[in-house]
Structures are given as C-alpha cells and as structure tokens.
N, C-alpha and C. Protein backbone atom coordinates (compact mmCIF):
# COMPACT_ATOMS: atom_id res chain seq x y z
N UNK A 1 8.57 11.03 -26.69
CA UNK A 1 7.50 10.78 -27.61
C UNK A 1 7.92 11.36 -29.01
N UNK A 2 9.09 11.40 -29.23
CA UNK A 2 9.73 11.73 -30.80
C UNK A 2 9.21 13.16 -30.98
N UNK A 3 8.93 13.92 -29.93
CA UNK A 3 8.61 15.30 -30.27
C UNK A 3 10.06 16.19 -30.40
N UNK A 4 9.86 17.47 -30.12
CA UNK A 4 11.14 18.30 -30.08
C UNK A 4 11.88 18.00 -28.81
N UNK A 5 13.13 18.02 -28.66
CA UNK A 5 14.00 18.10 -27.51
C UNK A 5 13.93 19.12 -26.94
N UNK A 6 13.97 19.14 -25.64
CA UNK A 6 13.79 20.35 -24.60
C UNK A 6 14.89 20.13 -23.68
N UNK A 7 15.68 21.09 -23.14
CA UNK A 7 16.71 21.36 -22.22
C UNK A 7 16.03 20.99 -20.75
N UNK A 8 16.48 20.24 -20.06
CA UNK A 8 15.97 19.89 -18.88
C UNK A 8 16.71 20.35 -17.61
N UNK A 9 18.00 20.02 -17.70
CA UNK A 9 18.96 20.47 -16.60
C UNK A 9 20.42 20.55 -17.23
N UNK A 10 21.13 21.28 -16.40
CA UNK A 10 22.57 21.28 -16.65
C UNK A 10 23.13 20.17 -15.74
N UNK A 11 23.88 19.25 -16.29
CA UNK A 11 24.19 18.21 -15.58
C UNK A 11 25.55 17.98 -15.04
N UNK A 12 25.69 17.10 -14.11
CA UNK A 12 27.14 16.63 -13.82
C UNK A 12 27.26 15.13 -14.30
N UNK A 13 28.57 14.55 -14.42
CA UNK A 13 28.61 13.15 -14.96
C UNK A 13 27.73 12.12 -14.45
N UNK A 14 27.30 12.21 -13.11
CA UNK A 14 26.24 11.23 -12.55
C UNK A 14 25.06 11.98 -12.21
N UNK A 15 24.05 11.70 -12.83
CA UNK A 15 22.80 12.54 -12.66
C UNK A 15 21.44 11.40 -12.76
N UNK A 16 20.51 11.70 -11.91
CA UNK A 16 19.43 11.08 -11.88
C UNK A 16 18.11 11.98 -12.03
N UNK A 17 17.33 11.77 -12.91
CA UNK A 17 16.08 12.54 -13.15
C UNK A 17 14.98 11.80 -12.35
N UNK A 18 14.31 12.59 -11.41
CA UNK A 18 13.45 11.87 -10.68
C UNK A 18 11.90 12.36 -10.76
N UNK A 19 11.56 13.19 -11.80
CA UNK A 19 10.34 13.62 -12.02
C UNK A 19 9.97 13.61 -13.51
N UNK A 20 8.86 13.59 -13.82
CA UNK A 20 8.35 13.45 -15.25
C UNK A 20 8.82 12.37 -15.99
N UNK A 21 9.22 11.18 -15.21
CA UNK A 21 9.70 9.93 -15.84
C UNK A 21 8.53 8.92 -15.53
N UNK A 22 8.20 8.16 -16.57
CA UNK A 22 7.05 7.16 -16.31
C UNK A 22 7.61 5.69 -16.71
N UNK A 23 7.59 4.84 -15.76
CA UNK A 23 8.04 3.43 -15.94
C UNK A 23 7.27 2.83 -17.08
N UNK A 24 8.19 2.16 -17.84
CA UNK A 24 7.64 1.59 -19.18
C UNK A 24 8.01 2.23 -20.39
N UNK A 25 7.98 3.80 -20.15
CA UNK A 25 8.19 4.72 -21.49
C UNK A 25 9.55 4.56 -21.77
N UNK A 26 9.72 4.80 -23.13
CA UNK A 26 10.93 4.81 -23.70
C UNK A 26 11.33 6.25 -23.98
N UNK A 27 12.37 6.85 -23.57
CA UNK A 27 13.03 8.29 -23.83
C UNK A 27 13.93 8.25 -24.69
N UNK A 28 13.96 9.45 -25.50
CA UNK A 28 15.09 9.73 -26.39
C UNK A 28 15.81 10.83 -25.84
N UNK A 29 17.18 10.55 -25.71
CA UNK A 29 18.03 11.36 -24.95
C UNK A 29 19.35 11.75 -25.87
N UNK A 30 19.86 12.95 -25.69
CA UNK A 30 21.18 13.46 -26.00
C UNK A 30 21.68 14.53 -25.02
N UNK A 31 22.99 14.73 -25.15
CA UNK A 31 23.52 15.68 -24.21
C UNK A 31 24.82 16.30 -24.79
N UNK A 32 25.14 17.36 -24.34
CA UNK A 32 26.42 18.10 -24.85
C UNK A 32 27.23 18.75 -23.58
N UNK A 33 28.51 19.08 -23.87
CA UNK A 33 29.35 19.42 -22.79
C UNK A 33 29.77 20.84 -23.06
N UNK A 34 30.00 21.49 -21.87
CA UNK A 34 30.67 22.94 -22.05
C UNK A 34 32.03 23.11 -21.27
N UNK A 35 32.68 23.80 -21.66
CA UNK A 35 33.95 24.27 -21.09
C UNK A 35 34.41 25.67 -21.34
N UNK A 36 35.56 26.11 -20.94
CA UNK A 36 35.85 27.50 -21.12
C UNK A 36 35.68 28.07 -22.47
N UNK A 37 35.74 27.06 -23.62
CA UNK A 37 35.72 27.64 -24.90
C UNK A 37 34.16 27.47 -25.53
N UNK A 38 33.49 26.97 -24.75
CA UNK A 38 31.99 26.95 -25.13
C UNK A 38 31.47 25.56 -25.32
N UNK A 39 30.15 25.48 -25.96
CA UNK A 39 29.44 24.09 -25.96
C UNK A 39 29.97 23.27 -27.09
N UNK A 40 29.99 21.95 -26.82
CA UNK A 40 30.26 21.12 -27.88
C UNK A 40 29.04 20.62 -28.73
N UNK A 41 29.07 19.87 -29.85
CA UNK A 41 27.95 19.39 -30.46
C UNK A 41 27.25 18.38 -29.66
N UNK A 42 26.04 18.08 -29.84
CA UNK A 42 25.22 17.08 -29.43
C UNK A 42 25.74 15.77 -29.49
N UNK A 43 25.65 14.85 -28.48
CA UNK A 43 25.93 13.31 -28.51
C UNK A 43 25.09 12.66 -29.51
N UNK A 44 25.34 11.56 -29.84
CA UNK A 44 24.11 10.74 -30.75
C UNK A 44 22.91 10.46 -29.65
N UNK A 45 21.93 10.08 -30.34
CA UNK A 45 20.73 10.14 -29.61
C UNK A 45 20.73 8.62 -29.18
N UNK A 46 20.25 8.52 -27.81
CA UNK A 46 20.20 7.06 -27.11
C UNK A 46 18.61 6.99 -26.86
N UNK A 47 18.11 5.74 -26.86
CA UNK A 47 16.82 5.50 -26.56
C UNK A 47 16.89 4.65 -25.28
N UNK A 48 16.38 4.99 -24.31
CA UNK A 48 16.47 4.39 -22.99
C UNK A 48 14.88 4.26 -22.40
N UNK A 49 14.75 2.91 -22.02
CA UNK A 49 13.55 2.57 -21.39
C UNK A 49 13.52 2.74 -19.90
N UNK A 50 12.63 3.51 -19.27
CA UNK A 50 12.62 3.58 -17.83
C UNK A 50 12.12 2.27 -17.03
N UNK A 51 12.78 1.52 -16.67
CA UNK A 51 12.50 0.37 -15.97
C UNK A 51 13.31 -0.07 -14.70
N UNK A 52 12.82 -0.90 -13.95
CA UNK A 52 13.71 -1.63 -12.73
C UNK A 52 13.65 -2.88 -13.06
N UNK A 53 14.51 -3.75 -12.13
CA UNK A 53 14.36 -5.12 -12.01
C UNK A 53 12.94 -5.63 -11.87
N UNK A 54 12.53 -6.70 -12.13
CA UNK A 54 11.13 -7.28 -11.76
C UNK A 54 11.18 -7.78 -10.25
N UNK A 55 9.96 -7.66 -9.59
CA UNK A 55 9.86 -8.11 -8.26
C UNK A 55 10.17 -9.65 -8.14
N UNK A 56 10.28 -10.14 -7.08
CA UNK A 56 10.68 -11.44 -6.96
C UNK A 56 9.41 -12.50 -7.28
N UNK A 57 9.63 -13.41 -8.18
CA UNK A 57 8.45 -14.21 -8.69
C UNK A 57 7.97 -15.16 -7.51
N UNK A 58 6.64 -15.54 -7.61
CA UNK A 58 6.22 -16.59 -6.58
C UNK A 58 7.06 -17.87 -6.80
N UNK A 59 6.89 -18.64 -5.83
CA UNK A 59 7.57 -20.00 -5.76
C UNK A 59 6.99 -20.85 -6.82
N UNK A 60 7.81 -21.71 -7.56
CA UNK A 60 7.10 -22.64 -8.61
C UNK A 60 6.03 -23.53 -7.86
N UNK A 61 4.96 -23.78 -8.53
CA UNK A 61 4.01 -24.60 -8.14
C UNK A 61 4.10 -26.01 -8.81
N UNK A 62 4.14 -27.18 -7.82
CA UNK A 62 4.25 -28.59 -8.19
C UNK A 62 3.04 -28.98 -9.02
N UNK A 63 3.24 -29.51 -10.16
CA UNK A 63 1.95 -29.93 -10.86
C UNK A 63 1.87 -31.36 -10.95
N UNK A 64 3.08 -32.14 -11.36
CA UNK A 64 3.02 -33.57 -11.28
C UNK A 64 4.48 -34.02 -11.62
N UNK A 65 4.69 -35.36 -11.32
CA UNK A 65 6.19 -35.85 -11.54
C UNK A 65 5.95 -37.34 -11.91
N UNK A 66 6.96 -37.85 -12.55
CA UNK A 66 7.16 -39.25 -12.96
C UNK A 66 8.58 -39.69 -12.11
N UNK A 67 9.16 -40.76 -12.60
CA UNK A 67 10.45 -41.16 -12.06
C UNK A 67 11.57 -40.38 -12.64
N UNK A 68 11.47 -39.83 -13.75
CA UNK A 68 12.46 -39.12 -14.37
C UNK A 68 12.22 -37.69 -14.75
N UNK A 69 10.96 -37.12 -14.25
CA UNK A 69 10.53 -35.63 -14.54
C UNK A 69 9.71 -35.07 -13.59
N UNK A 70 9.92 -33.90 -13.51
CA UNK A 70 8.89 -32.94 -12.61
C UNK A 70 8.15 -31.91 -13.48
N UNK A 71 6.99 -31.75 -13.39
CA UNK A 71 6.28 -30.42 -14.06
C UNK A 71 5.96 -29.61 -13.08
N UNK A 72 6.52 -28.20 -13.46
CA UNK A 72 6.00 -27.19 -12.51
C UNK A 72 5.27 -26.02 -13.21
N UNK A 73 4.53 -25.26 -12.54
CA UNK A 73 3.95 -24.08 -13.03
C UNK A 73 4.75 -22.87 -12.77
N UNK A 74 5.39 -22.32 -13.57
CA UNK A 74 6.05 -21.12 -13.32
C UNK A 74 5.17 -19.82 -13.58
N UNK A 75 5.02 -18.95 -12.27
CA UNK A 75 4.11 -17.74 -12.45
C UNK A 75 5.08 -16.57 -12.57
N UNK A 76 4.49 -15.54 -13.36
CA UNK A 76 5.34 -14.40 -13.38
C UNK A 76 5.38 -13.72 -12.13
N UNK A 77 6.43 -12.76 -12.06
CA UNK A 77 6.30 -11.81 -10.98
C UNK A 77 5.05 -10.89 -10.94
N UNK A 78 4.59 -10.32 -9.93
CA UNK A 78 3.54 -9.54 -9.88
C UNK A 78 3.86 -8.10 -10.49
N UNK A 79 5.16 -7.75 -10.65
CA UNK A 79 5.57 -6.46 -11.03
C UNK A 79 6.72 -6.72 -12.02
N UNK A 80 6.67 -6.41 -13.35
CA UNK A 80 7.65 -6.51 -14.39
C UNK A 80 8.63 -5.51 -14.59
N UNK A 81 8.48 -4.49 -13.65
CA UNK A 81 9.51 -3.55 -13.57
C UNK A 81 9.36 -2.48 -14.53
N UNK A 82 8.33 -2.68 -15.49
CA UNK A 82 8.01 -1.75 -16.49
C UNK A 82 8.76 -2.22 -17.89
N UNK A 83 8.98 -3.26 -17.89
CA UNK A 83 9.64 -3.98 -19.15
C UNK A 83 9.21 -5.52 -19.28
N UNK A 84 8.90 -5.79 -20.52
CA UNK A 84 8.59 -7.26 -20.78
C UNK A 84 9.51 -8.12 -20.25
N UNK A 85 9.26 -9.20 -19.65
CA UNK A 85 10.26 -10.32 -19.28
C UNK A 85 10.57 -11.09 -20.47
N UNK A 86 11.73 -11.37 -20.56
CA UNK A 86 12.25 -12.05 -21.91
C UNK A 86 12.64 -13.31 -21.63
N UNK A 87 13.01 -13.75 -20.35
CA UNK A 87 13.45 -15.11 -20.16
C UNK A 87 13.39 -15.53 -18.57
N UNK A 88 13.33 -16.64 -18.10
CA UNK A 88 13.51 -17.15 -16.80
C UNK A 88 14.56 -18.08 -16.63
N UNK A 89 15.18 -18.09 -15.49
CA UNK A 89 16.12 -19.39 -15.17
C UNK A 89 15.47 -20.06 -13.98
N UNK A 90 15.71 -21.36 -14.07
CA UNK A 90 15.06 -22.26 -12.92
C UNK A 90 16.39 -22.90 -12.40
N UNK A 91 16.58 -22.81 -11.07
CA UNK A 91 17.73 -23.28 -10.48
C UNK A 91 17.47 -24.43 -9.55
N UNK A 92 18.15 -25.42 -9.46
CA UNK A 92 17.89 -26.63 -8.60
C UNK A 92 18.94 -27.14 -7.71
N UNK A 93 18.48 -27.62 -6.68
CA UNK A 93 19.61 -28.14 -5.47
C UNK A 93 19.03 -29.50 -5.01
N UNK A 94 19.81 -30.42 -4.73
CA UNK A 94 19.42 -31.73 -4.29
C UNK A 94 19.41 -31.86 -2.70
N UNK A 95 18.98 -30.82 -2.01
CA UNK A 95 18.90 -30.54 -0.60
C UNK A 95 20.22 -31.11 0.12
N UNK A 96 21.22 -30.38 -0.16
CA UNK A 96 22.64 -30.71 0.43
C UNK A 96 22.68 -29.83 1.78
N UNK A 97 23.60 -30.25 2.67
CA UNK A 97 23.80 -29.37 3.73
C UNK A 97 24.26 -27.99 3.40
N UNK A 98 25.18 -27.98 2.38
CA UNK A 98 25.50 -26.64 1.92
C UNK A 98 24.69 -26.61 0.66
N UNK A 99 23.79 -25.64 0.29
CA UNK A 99 23.33 -25.61 -0.91
C UNK A 99 24.17 -25.32 -2.26
N UNK A 100 24.09 -26.13 -3.27
CA UNK A 100 24.90 -26.08 -4.51
C UNK A 100 23.83 -25.87 -5.80
N UNK A 101 23.23 -24.77 -5.93
CA UNK A 101 22.36 -24.51 -7.03
C UNK A 101 23.06 -24.75 -8.29
N UNK A 102 22.45 -25.25 -9.29
CA UNK A 102 22.83 -25.12 -10.75
C UNK A 102 21.61 -24.89 -11.47
N UNK A 103 21.81 -24.38 -12.62
CA UNK A 103 20.72 -23.98 -13.61
C UNK A 103 20.19 -25.21 -14.11
N UNK A 104 19.03 -25.35 -13.89
CA UNK A 104 18.11 -26.67 -14.59
C UNK A 104 17.66 -26.20 -16.06
N UNK A 105 17.21 -24.89 -16.12
CA UNK A 105 16.59 -24.57 -17.22
C UNK A 105 16.88 -23.18 -17.61
C-alpha cells in the first residue's frame, strides 16, 4: 500500500508467503542477504501482483454461420485469477482422428 516497509521473515532462496496476501493486490517488495560479514544493502524494489492463472473458460457458444464464417460468443472464465484478462486464443481442429489444433485467432 506504498507505506513503510516492514520485515516479515528471514528467508531462504525459495520462499512462499501464505498469510496476509490478498489476490488482486499489488505488493512492493525488496530483500537483502546476510553472511558472516553482515547484511547487504537492500535490492531494488519489485512490484508483484498476487494472482493465479484464470479458471477454465466456458465452451464457445455458437451464434451463426455462413459458408465461409462462424460467429461465436466467447465467455470469460468465472475466475480471472485476481488479474485482468488481457487476451484470448481460439484453437480450431477439423475433427481428425488425431486432433491437430491450430490457433484460429
């Protein structure tokens, strides 16, 4: 929240914080290391958003078609994972025995 930094833990190189973190919020982080000779200076500041991958979206909904086009309704997933969805990919296959999907959009 752009307030004063507070020390939360002494870390190891792989670390997960599991409390006090709220999905969708952006956190300002920095760290430093210690060895026999003392503490280093702090790292640069990183801004990290707490988010996960979105949930699986619903299947596309058929709207209409012509001889050369298909119109679909693309619905967003129910859960965006805590972050705005910035794009979608539509994959298509021509119903082959072994699926061979390609990006259509």
